[in-house]
Amino acid sequence: MNDSYLDYGAVDLQTRASTASPHELVVMLFDGLLDELARLRGHLEARHFESKGHSIDRCLNILDGLDAALDPDSGGAVVQDLSRLYRYCSQQLCNVSVTLSQDTLDEVAHLLDELRDGWQQVGSRP
């Protein structure tokens, strides 16, 4: 891919992030995570194992960031449940790294897509 295109994408992302609300930032992280999961699927199908490893690392980093952003003092049980779900997804992605299971990847992608939609709905409330 062209470096200019990648540079433009990075600038666009920085611009959107600088003006985003906290909920919009979380949705942006989920969008990036879901995009990377799609890339991971392609790497698994093509048997590009080095690229697969990089994609899994990126996904784990985003999940760690989402988990770290949770506020356990003000979120109560919801935050604890989200944290457990993020950790579960991380564990499943580690399993995908070893087993190359498309079914496990599908499960993780489905869970995270549902969470993304939930965050999107929370952010769109007046």
Protein backbone atom coordinates (compact mmCIF):
# COMPACT_ATOMS: atom_id res chain seq x y z
CA MET A 1 0.00 0.00 0.00
CA ASN A 2 1.15 3.50 -0.80
CA ASP A 3 2.88 5.40 2.06
CA SER A 4 0.97 8.59 1.21
CA TYR A 5 -2.32 6.75 1.60
CA LEU A 6 -1.21 5.36 4.98
CA ASP A 7 -0.07 8.83 6.08
CA TYR A 8 -3.43 10.29 5.07
CA GLY A 9 -5.23 7.57 7.03
CA ALA A 10 -3.15 8.29 10.13
CA VAL A 11 -3.84 12.03 9.91
CA ASP A 12 -7.56 11.39 9.41
CA LEU A 13 -7.63 9.10 12.43
CA GLN A 14 -5.76 11.66 14.57
CA THR A 15 -8.17 14.39 13.50
CA ARG A 16 -11.25 12.31 14.30
CA ALA A 17 -9.78 11.21 17.65
CA SER A 18 -8.94 14.78 18.68
CA THR A 19 -12.57 15.86 18.33
CA ALA A 20 -14.28 12.67 19.52
CA SER A 21 -16.25 12.20 22.73
CA PRO A 22 -15.17 9.39 25.09
CA HIS A 23 -17.88 7.12 23.68
CA GLU A 24 -16.81 7.90 20.13
CA LEU A 25 -13.21 7.05 21.03
CA VAL A 26 -14.30 3.65 22.34
CA VAL A 27 -16.29 3.03 19.15
CA MET A 28 -13.21 4.03 17.11
CA LEU A 29 -11.15 1.49 19.06
CA PHE A 30 -13.76 -1.18 18.37
CA ASP A 31 -13.78 -0.26 14.68
CA GLY A 32 -10.00 -0.67 14.58
CA LEU A 33 -10.25 -3.94 16.47
CA LEU A 34 -12.89 -5.34 14.12
CA ASP A 35 -10.85 -4.24 11.09
CA GLU A 36 -7.81 -6.02 12.50
CA LEU A 37 -9.88 -9.15 13.18
CA ALA A 38 -10.88 -9.12 9.50
CA ARG A 39 -7.20 -8.85 8.53
CA LEU A 40 -6.44 -11.70 10.92
CA ARG A 41 -9.02 -13.85 9.15
CA GLY A 42 -7.30 -13.15 5.85
CA HIS A 43 -3.89 -14.03 7.30
CA LEU A 44 -5.26 -17.30 8.67
CA GLU A 45 -6.85 -18.21 5.34
CA ALA A 46 -3.66 -17.36 3.43
CA ARG A 47 -1.53 -19.10 6.07
CA HIS A 48 0.59 -15.98 6.56
CA PHE A 49 1.66 -16.88 10.06
CA GLU A 50 3.97 -13.94 10.73
CA SER A 51 1.26 -11.48 9.73
CA LYS A 52 -1.23 -13.49 11.80
CA GLY A 53 0.99 -12.96 14.83
CA HIS A 54 1.18 -9.21 14.22
CA SER A 55 -2.61 -8.98 13.86
CA ILE A 56 -3.18 -10.93 17.06
CA ASP A 57 -0.72 -8.64 18.88
CA ARG A 58 -2.60 -5.57 17.63
CA CYS A 59 -5.94 -7.04 18.71
CA LEU A 60 -4.57 -7.91 22.16
CA ASN A 61 -3.17 -4.40 22.54
CA ILE A 62 -6.52 -2.83 21.69
CA LEU A 63 -8.33 -5.16 24.09
CA ASP A 64 -5.80 -4.28 26.81
CA GLY A 65 -6.43 -0.58 26.12
CA LEU A 66 -10.20 -1.02 26.31
CA ASP A 67 -9.84 -2.92 29.58
CA ALA A 68 -7.45 -0.34 31.05
CA ALA A 69 -9.87 2.48 30.18
CA LEU A 70 -12.62 0.99 32.34
CA ASP A 71 -13.30 2.77 35.63
CA PRO A 72 -13.99 0.10 38.25
CA ASP A 73 -14.78 2.71 40.91
CA SER A 74 -17.74 4.15 39.04
CA GLY A 75 -18.84 1.28 36.80
CA GLY A 76 -19.68 -1.44 39.27
CA ALA A 77 -20.80 -4.82 37.95
CA VAL A 78 -20.98 -3.64 34.33
CA VAL A 79 -17.29 -2.73 34.34
CA GLN A 80 -16.39 -6.06 35.93
CA ASP A 81 -18.40 -7.92 33.28
CA LEU A 82 -16.80 -5.92 30.45
CA SER A 83 -13.35 -6.59 31.88
CA ARG A 84 -14.07 -10.32 32.05
CA LEU A 85 -15.36 -10.27 28.48
CA TYR A 86 -12.28 -8.41 27.21
CA ARG A 87 -10.04 -10.95 28.99
CA TYR A 88 -12.06 -13.85 27.56
CA CYS A 89 -11.67 -12.45 24.05
CA SER A 90 -7.93 -12.04 24.64
CA GLN A 91 -7.65 -15.65 25.79
CA GLN A 92 -9.62 -16.85 22.79
CA LEU A 93 -7.36 -14.89 20.43
CA CYS A 94 -4.35 -16.56 22.05
CA ASN A 95 -6.07 -19.89 21.36
CA VAL A 96 -6.62 -18.85 17.73
CA SER A 97 -2.90 -18.17 17.46
CA VAL A 98 -2.20 -21.81 18.28
CA THR A 99 -5.22 -23.66 16.87
CA LEU A 100 -5.90 -21.43 13.83
CA SER A 101 -9.59 -21.94 14.57
CA GLN A 102 -11.86 -19.85 12.34
CA ASP A 103 -14.81 -20.77 14.59
CA THR A 104 -13.12 -19.29 17.64
CA LEU A 105 -12.22 -16.18 15.64
CA ASP A 106 -15.86 -15.90 14.51
CA GLU A 107 -17.03 -16.12 18.12
CA VAL A 108 -14.68 -13.34 19.21
CA ALA A 109 -15.60 -11.14 16.25
CA HIS A 110 -19.31 -11.63 16.96
CA LEU A 111 -18.95 -10.76 20.66
CA LEU A 112 -16.89 -7.66 19.91
CA ASP A 113 -19.25 -6.55 17.14
CA GLU A 114 -22.15 -6.75 19.62
CA LEU A 115 -20.17 -4.73 22.17
CA ARG A 116 -19.29 -2.14 19.54
CA ASP A 117 -22.97 -1.75 18.69
CA GLY A 118 -23.76 -1.31 22.38
CA TRP A 119 -21.15 1.42 22.77
CA GLN A 120 -22.47 3.08 19.62
CA GLN A 121 -25.99 3.14 21.07
CA VAL A 122 -24.80 4.54 24.42
CA GLY A 123 -22.95 7.32 22.61
CA SER A 124 -25.94 8.25 20.48
CA ARG A 125 -28.27 8.85 23.42
CA PRO A 126 -29.07 12.52 24.08
